[in-house]
Every structure is written in C-alpha cells, then in structure tokens.
Amino acid sequence: MNVIICLRDIAEHPFTRDGKESSPITYDANCLEEICGACAMLVNGQPRQACTALVDELEKPIRLEPLTKFPLVRDLQVDRSSMFENLKRTKCWIPIDGTYDLGPGPRMSSEKQEVGYTLSQCITCGNCLEICPKVNENSHFVGAAIVSLIYFFPVFWIILTAFKTYEDALAVPAKFFFTPTLENFAQVFSRAYSAGGPTVNTGFTLYFFNSLFISGVSVLLALAIGTLAAFGFSRYPLKGNDTYLFMILTTRMLPAIVVIIPIFIMFRVTGLAGTYLGIIALYTVFNLPFAIWMMKSFFDELSPDVEDAARIDGSSDVRVFFKICLPQVLAGLAATAVFGLILTWNEFLFALLLSGVETRTVPVAMSQTIGGDIGVRWGLLAAIETLFLIPVIIVTFALQNQLLRGVTFGTIKR
C-alpha cells in the first residue's frame, strides 16, 4: 500500500484525530503508476512521488507536506503552472497529438531518437526543482537574465547615447534621464563636416546597402560551396582527408594584417581593387574554412543508414543530399550563416584597404566620424552603431529557433 491509497481513504472518510468530521484533503494524483508526476510531495521531508512511497517502508509517523518551491493551493496541492508555461516558452513542452493533427515531426536519425527518448522520460513532477539548492528565495544566484543584462549593458548604453545631444553625451556624471532627440540619426545621412560648414549628403545609404549586399552574397556563396564541400569530406573521405581539412583551416590561422600585403598586390594586378566582385570573392574565401568545418561536424552527426536505404530505393546521391541530408542540418546552416554574417559584417581591415568609394562598407565609413574641427561626435557614432546593429539582430532573432539547436547540435555523445 502506498501513500496515495492512504490519502484516498482519508479523503473518503475525512475525520480528525478527535473524531470530528472535516473537509476532504486535497492533493494531486492521476496515474498511480509513476507516469504522470502529479503526486509529487514531501514524504518525511524528502521530495518524491507519493505513488512510489510504500507505507511499510517509511519511517513512522509519516509526515506529508506540499512542495515548497511552488505556490500552495490547499493542503498538499500546489500550483506548478509556472513550470509548464516556462517549458512551453522554450518549446520543451508541446501539446500532445490526439485532439488534432500536429503534422509530421522533424526527420531524426535512429541515434538521435534514442537520445531524445531518454530525455523525454521526464514527467515534469517538479522534484528536481525542490531538491535544487539554487531554487530558493535566499539564494545568491542571480540567474541567467541578470547576467545577460550585464553583458547587454554596453549595447544599451550605445543605443541610449544615440538619442542624446552632444552635451548630454559628454555630461559628467552620465545622464540616464534626458530629453531624447533624433538629430543624431538625421546627421547619419546628411551633416556638416566642419563647424559652420554646409550640410552635405554623407552617402551612408550606399554604405548600408554595400554592407548588406556584400555580407549577404558572400555568406550565401560560402554556405553553398562550404556545405557541398563539407558533405564530400564527411561522406566521401579521400586519402589524407584530415590533412586537407587542416590545410583549409590554416587559411584562417594567420591574422588579416599578415596577409593583407600580398592580397592588396594581387587585387591591384588583377584590377579587382574597389570592385564588388573582388571584395565579395575575398569575404567568400574568408568564410569558407569556417563553413566547411562547421557543416562537416553537422553531417558527421547524421546516421548514414537512412541515406543507404534511399540509395537502395533508387535515389541518386544528389537527391539523397537535397532530400534527406540537407533538411536535417538546417539548424547548422542557420548557425553557420549567423556566425559568418557577424564576421563579415564587422570586418574592417580588408574593407578599408580593398574597397573603393562606391563599395565602401559601414565600418569604414564610421571612421570618418572621428576627427575634424568638431571632434568626436559620440552621439552620431552611437546612432550609426545602433543602425548597424539592426540587421544582425533581425537575422539572429529570425533564426533563433534553428540557431539554438545549431549551436548545441552534437553536444550529446552518441
């Protein structure tokens, strides 16, 4: 006999120790077979499921208490909805199939299914939260949200400075409360370069277009070529495969300042200096080793059994790649694209020395705001940086679901 059966008998005959009739005790219980996790409570001070607590094996008298990490509803019943809502928010808890068709799930190899099944055995009882010493009102653990805010504060200060006047930006002590202005954003596109000088067009519209066009095209080319190369290295290894991969990686080992001189001479001889073709080709080559190594690790995690079954059914290697392998590494494509975009978007040295007036990118144009008769315009600089952050933030948020899976793909050893 377990504790739940005792609670059921008590609920059917609700009397106090003095023999007075009382209201039935409330508690959560559903399956009675250690499946639902609803009957979690403190049994003799230990968090466990009441259906597994056998009365004969417990120390007498038996003490039953509700879980302390959740709001108390009544008696032994607690409100665990916050845990369920948080799991829904992180997509770790989804509605069950039965009332309506959820459609087919993502394709998974048999190895990943085995790992996923083990992780899916969590019954969301809340006992782990009850045991964890970090989950309590007196803990000094600040949590991921506070840590993230600390890291985000420099970005927040840049955005805040973009709305300040020149005097507010240089105020000591720093001003957190001020009258916001959009003057800095207007000066991004047209301003005077000297005190009392005429207002001229800065050309930043072209520079923003150049950054978007050059970064987008180069990342897409690097992804396309790198994904095909990674699939070849993963599925059709050559003799000395590791040597070839190492040679590809060595192209990223040298800092940009070391290789800029031969690249500059090569661009001048070939006539690629100051052209879209030259800077896009350079950034593509710049991102290619990273794309190959990243995507190869994702292809290595896929089980070849499904691919072999498709080939037996008559599928060509091209069809196997596009219909079976590629859909399973979309998360890897997203992660590689975001990291490649950030590297290209922020690159300064190559763009400074190899781009022309018509192909100049935003990082190079930002350097023009430093110096002159007026000095460093911190509000203007912050406004440019704020606008410069927007595309990367949009891409990152648009791909955040795939990005989270991409950066954690393969972390569980098969």
Protein backbone atom coordinates (compact mmCIF):
# COMPACT_ATOMS: atom_id res chain seq x y z
CA MET A 1 0.00 0.00 0.00
CA ASN A 2 1.35 3.41 -0.96
CA VAL A 3 0.72 6.91 0.34
CA ILE A 4 -1.77 7.77 -2.39
CA ILE A 5 -4.06 4.90 -1.36
CA CYS A 6 -3.92 6.16 2.23
CA LEU A 7 -4.78 9.67 1.07
CA ARG A 8 -7.69 8.31 -0.95
CA ASP A 9 -9.07 6.51 2.11
CA ILE A 10 -8.63 9.63 4.22
CA ALA A 11 -10.48 11.70 1.58
CA GLU A 12 -13.36 9.20 1.62
CA HIS A 13 -13.60 9.36 5.45
CA PRO A 14 -12.48 12.89 6.42
CA PHE A 15 -12.25 12.84 10.22
CA THR A 16 -9.76 14.48 12.57
CA ARG A 17 -7.83 12.66 15.32
CA ASP A 18 -10.57 13.74 17.71
CA GLY A 19 -13.21 12.05 15.56
CA LYS A 20 -14.70 15.27 14.25
CA GLU A 21 -15.88 15.37 10.65
CA SER A 22 -13.71 17.54 8.41
CA SER A 23 -13.48 18.56 4.75
CA PRO A 24 -11.71 16.09 2.41
CA ILE A 25 -7.99 16.62 1.97
CA THR A 26 -6.88 17.90 -1.47
CA TYR A 27 -3.90 16.52 -3.38
CA ASP A 28 -2.86 15.84 -6.98
CA ALA A 29 -2.88 12.30 -8.35
CA ASN A 30 -3.70 10.76 -11.71
CA CYS A 31 -1.99 7.60 -12.88
CA LEU A 32 -0.88 5.88 -9.61
CA GLU A 33 1.90 4.27 -11.68
CA GLU A 34 4.80 6.77 -11.64
CA ILE A 35 3.89 8.12 -15.08
CA CYS A 36 2.13 11.48 -14.68
CA GLY A 37 4.26 13.08 -11.93
CA ALA A 38 1.21 14.77 -10.41
CA CYS A 39 1.51 13.34 -6.89
CA ALA A 40 4.90 14.86 -6.07
CA MET A 41 5.10 15.98 -2.44
CA LEU A 42 7.38 15.87 0.59
CA VAL A 43 7.19 12.46 2.26
CA ASN A 44 9.03 12.51 5.58
CA GLY A 45 10.88 15.61 4.34
CA GLN A 46 12.02 14.02 1.07
CA PRO A 47 10.59 15.14 -2.32
CA ARG A 48 9.21 12.12 -4.13
CA GLN A 49 6.11 10.81 -5.82
CA ALA A 50 3.56 9.57 -3.33
CA CYS A 51 2.58 6.63 -5.54
CA THR A 52 6.08 5.16 -5.12
CA ALA A 53 6.20 5.70 -1.34
CA LEU A 54 5.24 2.35 0.21
CA VAL A 55 3.83 2.74 3.71
CA ASP A 56 5.58 -0.36 5.07
CA GLU A 57 8.99 1.05 4.08
CA LEU A 58 8.51 4.52 5.55
CA GLU A 59 9.53 5.73 8.99
CA LYS A 60 6.56 6.23 11.34
CA PRO A 61 4.85 8.54 11.86
CA ILE A 62 4.58 9.51 8.19
CA ARG A 63 4.78 13.26 7.60
CA LEU A 64 3.26 14.64 4.36
CA GLU A 65 3.95 18.21 3.24
CA PRO A 66 3.42 20.13 -0.03
CA LEU A 67 6.35 21.10 -2.26
CA THR A 68 7.85 24.36 -1.06
CA LYS A 69 9.07 25.78 -4.40
CA PHE A 70 5.56 26.27 -5.84
CA PRO A 71 2.57 28.36 -4.67
CA LEU A 72 0.33 26.45 -2.27
CA VAL A 73 -3.27 25.96 -3.37
CA ARG A 74 -4.55 23.97 -0.42
CA ASP A 75 -3.37 21.09 1.78
CA LEU A 76 -0.96 19.06 -0.41
CA GLN A 77 -1.93 20.67 -3.71
CA VAL A 78 0.46 23.19 -5.31
CA ASP A 79 0.30 25.28 -8.48
CA ARG A 80 3.03 24.14 -10.90
CA SER A 81 1.69 26.05 -13.90
CA SER A 82 4.76 28.34 -13.96
CA MET A 83 6.96 25.33 -14.71
CA PHE A 84 4.70 24.22 -17.55
CA GLU A 85 4.49 27.71 -19.05
CA ASN A 86 8.28 28.11 -18.96
CA LEU A 87 8.70 24.77 -20.71
CA LYS A 88 6.19 25.85 -23.35
CA ARG A 89 8.04 29.12 -23.82
CA THR A 90 11.30 27.28 -24.51
CA LYS A 91 9.48 24.69 -26.67
CA CYS A 92 10.48 21.86 -24.34
CA TRP A 93 6.83 21.01 -23.72
CA ILE A 94 4.37 20.74 -26.60
CA PRO A 95 0.67 19.76 -26.81
CA ILE A 96 0.12 16.05 -27.31
CA ASP A 97 -1.20 14.66 -30.57
CA GLY A 98 -4.74 13.35 -30.29
CA THR A 99 -7.19 16.21 -30.39
CA TYR A 100 -5.82 17.47 -33.70
CA ASP A 101 -3.09 16.57 -36.18
CA LEU A 102 0.21 18.32 -35.49
CA GLY A 103 1.70 17.16 -38.78
CA PRO A 104 4.94 15.28 -39.29
CA GLY A 105 7.82 15.96 -36.94
CA PRO A 106 11.40 16.73 -37.98
CA ARG A 107 13.43 13.94 -39.53
CA MET A 108 15.72 12.33 -37.00
CA SER A 109 18.26 9.57 -37.15
CA SER A 110 17.77 6.46 -35.03
CA GLU A 111 20.66 7.51 -32.78
CA LYS A 112 19.06 10.90 -32.05
CA GLN A 113 15.71 9.22 -31.46
CA GLU A 114 17.28 7.02 -28.79
CA VAL A 115 18.80 10.03 -27.04
CA GLY A 116 15.58 12.02 -27.40
CA TYR A 117 13.50 9.21 -25.92
CA THR A 118 15.72 9.13 -22.84
CA LEU A 119 15.34 12.89 -22.39
CA SER A 120 11.58 12.69 -23.00
CA GLN A 121 11.10 10.41 -19.99
CA CYS A 122 10.98 13.49 -17.73
CA ILE A 123 7.44 13.58 -16.27
CA THR A 124 7.63 17.22 -15.10
CA CYS A 125 6.94 16.38 -11.47
CA GLY A 126 8.98 19.27 -10.03
CA ASN A 127 11.05 17.18 -7.62
CA CYS A 128 14.29 18.34 -9.23
CA LEU A 129 13.35 21.98 -8.52
CA GLU A 130 12.52 21.06 -4.93
CA ILE A 131 15.94 19.46 -4.47
CA CYS A 132 18.00 22.09 -6.33
CA PRO A 133 19.63 24.46 -3.80
CA LYS A 134 19.73 27.26 -6.37
CA VAL A 135 15.93 27.49 -6.50
CA ASN A 136 15.01 29.32 -3.30
CA GLU A 137 14.26 32.80 -2.04
CA ASN A 138 17.55 33.13 -0.11
CA SER A 139 19.89 32.02 -2.90
CA HIS A 140 22.57 34.44 -4.09
CA PHE A 141 22.36 33.01 -7.64
CA VAL A 142 21.39 35.97 -9.84
CA GLY A 143 20.18 33.89 -12.76
CA ALA A 144 20.77 33.98 -16.49
CA ALA A 145 18.57 37.03 -17.01
CA ILE A 146 20.69 39.28 -14.76
CA VAL A 147 23.94 38.00 -16.26
CA SER A 148 22.57 38.68 -19.75
CA LEU A 149 21.61 42.22 -18.74
CA ILE A 150 25.17 42.86 -17.55
CA TYR A 151 26.57 41.75 -20.90
CA PHE A 152 23.91 43.76 -22.75
CA PHE A 153 24.58 46.99 -20.83
CA PRO A 154 27.30 48.31 -23.25
CA VAL A 155 24.91 47.83 -26.16
CA PHE A 156 22.15 49.52 -24.16
CA TRP A 157 24.45 52.46 -23.44
CA ILE A 158 25.28 52.85 -27.14
CA ILE A 159 21.58 52.93 -28.01
CA LEU A 160 20.94 55.40 -25.18
CA THR A 161 23.77 57.68 -26.36
CA ALA A 162 22.32 57.71 -29.88
CA PHE A 163 19.34 59.70 -28.56
CA LYS A 164 21.42 62.23 -26.59
CA THR A 165 22.58 65.68 -27.61
CA TYR A 166 26.29 66.42 -27.84
CA GLU A 167 26.24 68.00 -24.37
CA ASP A 168 24.28 65.11 -22.79
CA ALA A 169 26.64 62.54 -24.29
CA LEU A 170 29.65 64.23 -22.62
CA ALA A 171 27.89 65.05 -19.34
CA VAL A 172 29.63 64.07 -16.08
CA PRO A 173 28.13 62.26 -14.25
CA ALA A 174 26.46 60.34 -17.04
CA LYS A 175 22.80 61.08 -17.66
CA PHE A 176 20.26 58.27 -17.60
CA PHE A 177 17.30 60.65 -17.83
CA PHE A 178 17.31 63.27 -20.58
CA THR A 179 15.22 64.72 -23.38
CA PRO A 180 15.70 62.35 -26.36
CA THR A 181 16.48 63.71 -29.81
CA LEU A 182 16.61 62.22 -33.32
CA GLU A 183 19.17 64.74 -34.53
CA ASN A 184 21.98 62.17 -34.49
CA PHE A 185 20.04 59.80 -36.75
CA ALA A 186 19.32 62.65 -39.19
CA GLN A 187 23.04 63.55 -39.27
CA VAL A 188 23.92 59.99 -40.22
CA PHE A 189 22.68 60.72 -43.74
CA SER A 190 23.41 64.46 -44.06
CA ARG A 191 25.60 66.72 -41.92
CA ALA A 192 28.29 69.38 -41.90
CA TYR A 193 31.87 68.12 -41.67
CA SER A 194 33.17 71.31 -40.07
CA ALA A 195 31.81 73.97 -37.74
CA GLY A 196 29.70 76.38 -39.78
CA GLY A 197 30.21 74.37 -42.95
CA PRO A 198 27.48 73.39 -45.43
CA THR A 199 25.31 70.32 -44.90
CA VAL A 200 26.12 67.61 -47.44
CA ASN A 201 24.94 64.09 -48.16
CA THR A 202 27.15 61.57 -46.35
CA GLY A 203 26.39 58.63 -48.65
CA PHE A 204 25.51 56.33 -45.75
CA THR A 205 22.54 54.93 -47.68
CA LEU A 206 25.02 53.50 -50.18
CA TYR A 207 27.31 52.26 -47.40
CA PHE A 208 24.47 50.41 -45.67
CA PHE A 209 23.48 48.85 -48.99
CA ASN A 210 27.10 47.81 -49.60
CA SER A 211 27.34 46.15 -46.19
CA LEU A 212 24.06 44.29 -46.71
CA PHE A 213 24.84 43.26 -50.29
CA ILE A 214 28.48 42.25 -49.78
CA SER A 215 27.84 40.41 -46.48
CA GLY A 216 24.70 38.64 -47.72
CA VAL A 217 26.12 37.47 -51.05
CA SER A 218 29.47 36.36 -49.60
CA VAL A 219 27.83 34.41 -46.76
CA LEU A 220 25.40 32.69 -49.16
CA LEU A 221 28.26 31.74 -51.51
CA ALA A 222 30.36 30.46 -48.61
CA LEU A 223 27.39 28.43 -47.32
CA ALA A 224 26.64 26.92 -50.73
CA ILE A 225 30.24 25.96 -51.51
CA GLY A 226 31.11 25.05 -47.91
CA THR A 227 28.05 22.80 -47.47
CA LEU A 228 28.82 20.83 -50.62
CA ALA A 229 32.49 20.52 -49.65
CA ALA A 230 31.60 19.50 -46.10
CA PHE A 231 29.24 16.79 -47.36
CA GLY A 232 32.01 15.45 -49.58
CA PHE A 233 34.56 15.41 -46.77
CA SER A 234 32.04 13.71 -44.47
CA ARG A 235 30.58 11.09 -46.79
CA TYR A 236 33.37 10.55 -49.37
CA PRO A 237 36.65 10.91 -47.43
CA LEU A 238 39.82 10.90 -49.51
CA LYS A 239 43.22 9.57 -48.62
CA GLY A 240 44.68 12.23 -46.38
CA ASN A 241 41.27 13.67 -45.61
CA ASP A 242 42.39 15.14 -42.29
CA THR A 243 45.41 16.75 -43.97
CA TYR A 244 43.19 18.52 -46.50
CA LEU A 245 40.90 19.76 -43.74
CA PHE A 246 43.89 21.04 -41.78
CA MET A 247 45.23 22.84 -44.83
CA ILE A 248 41.83 24.53 -45.27
CA LEU A 249 41.87 25.56 -41.63
CA THR A 250 45.36 27.07 -41.89
CA THR A 251 43.99 29.80 -44.16
CA ARG A 252 42.26 31.23 -41.07
CA MET A 253 45.21 30.88 -38.73
CA LEU A 254 47.10 33.95 -39.96
CA PRO A 255 45.78 37.36 -38.87
CA ALA A 256 44.46 39.67 -41.56
CA ILE A 257 47.30 42.17 -41.13
CA VAL A 258 49.82 39.48 -42.17
CA VAL A 259 48.13 38.55 -45.46
CA ILE A 260 46.86 42.00 -46.45
CA ILE A 261 50.01 42.99 -48.39
CA PRO A 262 50.03 40.06 -50.89
CA ILE A 263 46.25 40.29 -51.22
CA PHE A 264 46.49 44.04 -51.90
CA ILE A 265 49.13 43.49 -54.60
CA MET A 266 47.07 40.70 -56.14
CA PHE A 267 43.97 42.91 -56.24
CA ARG A 268 45.87 45.74 -57.94
CA VAL A 269 47.35 43.43 -60.59
CA THR A 270 44.01 41.78 -61.39
CA GLY A 271 42.03 45.01 -61.26
CA LEU A 272 39.72 43.76 -58.50
CA ALA A 273 40.52 46.58 -56.07
CA GLY A 274 37.48 48.69 -55.33
CA THR A 275 35.01 46.31 -57.03
CA TYR A 276 32.09 44.32 -55.65
CA LEU A 277 33.44 41.17 -57.27
CA GLY A 278 36.79 41.45 -55.52
CA ILE A 279 35.52 42.15 -52.01
CA ILE A 280 32.75 39.52 -52.26
CA ALA A 281 35.22 36.90 -53.52
CA LEU A 282 37.62 37.76 -50.67
CA TYR A 283 34.91 37.51 -47.99
CA THR A 284 33.67 34.24 -49.51
CA VAL A 285 37.15 32.74 -49.24
CA PHE A 286 37.44 34.29 -45.77
CA ASN A 287 34.28 32.48 -44.57
CA LEU A 288 34.75 29.22 -46.48
CA PRO A 289 37.01 27.35 -43.98
CA PHE A 290 34.64 28.18 -41.14
CA ALA A 291 31.63 27.00 -43.18
CA ILE A 292 33.32 23.74 -44.19
CA TRP A 293 34.38 22.82 -40.66
CA MET A 294 31.05 23.78 -39.13
CA MET A 295 28.92 21.94 -41.68
CA LYS A 296 31.15 18.86 -41.67
CA SER A 297 30.54 18.44 -37.94
CA PHE A 298 26.77 18.51 -38.58
CA PHE A 299 26.95 15.96 -41.42
CA ASP A 300 29.13 13.69 -39.27
CA GLU A 301 26.30 13.55 -36.70
CA LEU A 302 23.80 12.17 -39.22
CA SER A 303 23.26 8.44 -39.46
CA PRO A 304 24.18 7.03 -42.90
CA ASP A 305 21.57 4.25 -42.57
CA VAL A 306 18.75 6.39 -43.95
CA GLU A 307 20.93 7.50 -46.85
CA ASP A 308 21.84 3.90 -47.68
CA ALA A 309 18.15 2.93 -47.61
CA ALA A 310 17.35 5.75 -50.02
CA ARG A 311 20.09 4.65 -52.41
CA ILE A 312 18.75 1.10 -52.33
CA ASP A 313 15.35 2.52 -53.34
CA GLY A 314 16.97 4.15 -56.36
CA SER A 315 17.73 7.68 -55.14
CA SER A 316 20.76 9.38 -56.63
CA ASP A 317 23.46 10.98 -54.50
CA VAL A 318 22.14 14.42 -55.43
CA ARG A 319 18.64 13.50 -54.29
CA VAL A 320 19.99 11.98 -51.07
CA PHE A 321 21.83 15.22 -50.35
CA PHE A 322 18.93 17.60 -51.03
CA LYS A 323 16.01 15.48 -49.78
CA ILE A 324 17.49 13.60 -46.82
CA CYS A 325 20.69 15.18 -45.52
CA LEU A 326 20.12 18.88 -46.09
CA PRO A 327 16.76 19.08 -44.25
CA GLN A 328 18.40 17.55 -41.18
CA VAL A 329 21.16 20.17 -40.97
CA LEU A 330 19.04 23.31 -41.37
CA ALA A 331 20.00 24.25 -37.82
CA GLY A 332 23.66 24.00 -38.79
CA LEU A 333 23.06 26.20 -41.83
CA ALA A 334 21.40 28.81 -39.62
CA ALA A 335 24.21 28.78 -37.05
CA THR A 336 26.91 28.96 -39.73
CA ALA A 337 25.09 31.76 -41.54
CA VAL A 338 24.73 33.88 -38.39
CA PHE A 339 28.36 33.49 -37.34
CA GLY A 340 29.58 34.09 -40.89
CA LEU A 341 27.38 37.18 -41.19
CA ILE A 342 28.71 38.63 -37.94
CA LEU A 343 32.33 38.06 -39.02
CA THR A 344 31.77 39.67 -42.43
CA TRP A 345 29.51 42.44 -41.13
CA ASN A 346 32.12 43.67 -38.64
CA GLU A 347 35.23 43.25 -40.84
CA PHE A 348 37.25 46.47 -41.14
CA LEU A 349 40.81 45.99 -42.41
CA PHE A 350 40.07 44.34 -45.78
CA ALA A 351 37.20 46.75 -46.41
CA LEU A 352 39.42 49.75 -45.57
CA LEU A 353 42.25 48.85 -47.95
CA LEU A 354 40.49 46.96 -50.74
CA SER A 355 37.15 48.74 -51.20
CA GLY A 356 36.61 51.88 -53.23
CA VAL A 357 34.40 54.91 -52.77
CA GLU A 358 31.43 53.12 -54.34
CA THR A 359 31.99 49.83 -52.50
CA ARG A 360 32.79 51.22 -49.04
CA THR A 361 31.05 49.49 -46.12
CA VAL A 362 29.70 50.95 -42.88
CA PRO A 363 32.70 50.07 -40.61
CA VAL A 364 34.97 52.06 -42.94
CA ALA A 365 32.52 54.95 -43.18
CA MET A 366 32.20 55.06 -39.38
CA SER A 367 35.86 56.05 -39.13
CA GLN A 368 35.00 59.28 -40.96
CA THR A 369 33.01 60.47 -37.96
CA ILE A 370 36.17 60.57 -35.82
CA GLY A 371 38.20 63.78 -36.06
CA GLY A 372 37.57 67.04 -37.88
CA ASP A 373 37.00 70.50 -36.47
CA ILE A 374 34.09 69.41 -34.28
CA GLY A 375 35.91 66.45 -32.71
CA VAL A 376 34.48 63.02 -31.97
CA ARG A 377 30.70 63.11 -32.27
CA TRP A 378 29.79 60.41 -29.79
CA GLY A 379 26.04 60.73 -30.35
CA LEU A 380 26.48 60.44 -34.12
CA LEU A 381 28.83 57.49 -33.72
CA ALA A 382 26.33 55.78 -31.42
CA ALA A 383 23.50 56.42 -33.91
CA ILE A 384 25.48 54.76 -36.71
CA GLU A 385 26.28 51.79 -34.48
CA THR A 386 22.62 51.47 -33.47
CA LEU A 387 21.53 51.34 -37.12
CA PHE A 388 24.42 48.99 -37.83
CA LEU A 389 23.15 46.55 -35.16
CA ILE A 390 19.61 46.28 -36.53
CA PRO A 391 20.17 43.87 -39.49
CA VAL A 392 22.22 41.42 -37.42
CA ILE A 393 19.65 41.49 -34.61
CA ILE A 394 16.82 40.87 -37.08
CA VAL A 395 18.62 37.91 -38.69
CA THR A 396 19.56 36.44 -35.29
CA PHE A 397 16.00 36.69 -33.96
CA ALA A 398 14.54 35.30 -37.20
CA LEU A 399 16.81 32.25 -36.95
CA GLN A 400 16.89 31.93 -33.15
CA ASN A 401 14.99 28.62 -33.03
CA GLN A 402 17.35 26.99 -35.51
CA LEU A 403 20.34 28.79 -34.01
CA LEU A 404 19.76 27.38 -30.52
CA ARG A 405 19.59 23.84 -31.91
CA GLY A 406 22.54 24.52 -34.19
CA VAL A 407 24.98 25.63 -31.50
CA THR A 408 24.02 22.65 -29.29
CA PHE A 409 23.90 20.04 -32.08
CA GLY A 410 26.16 17.12 -31.28
CA THR A 411 26.77 18.10 -27.65
CA ILE A 412 25.29 14.76 -26.52
CA LYS A 413 27.64 11.95 -27.40
CA ARG A 414 26.06 9.11 -29.28
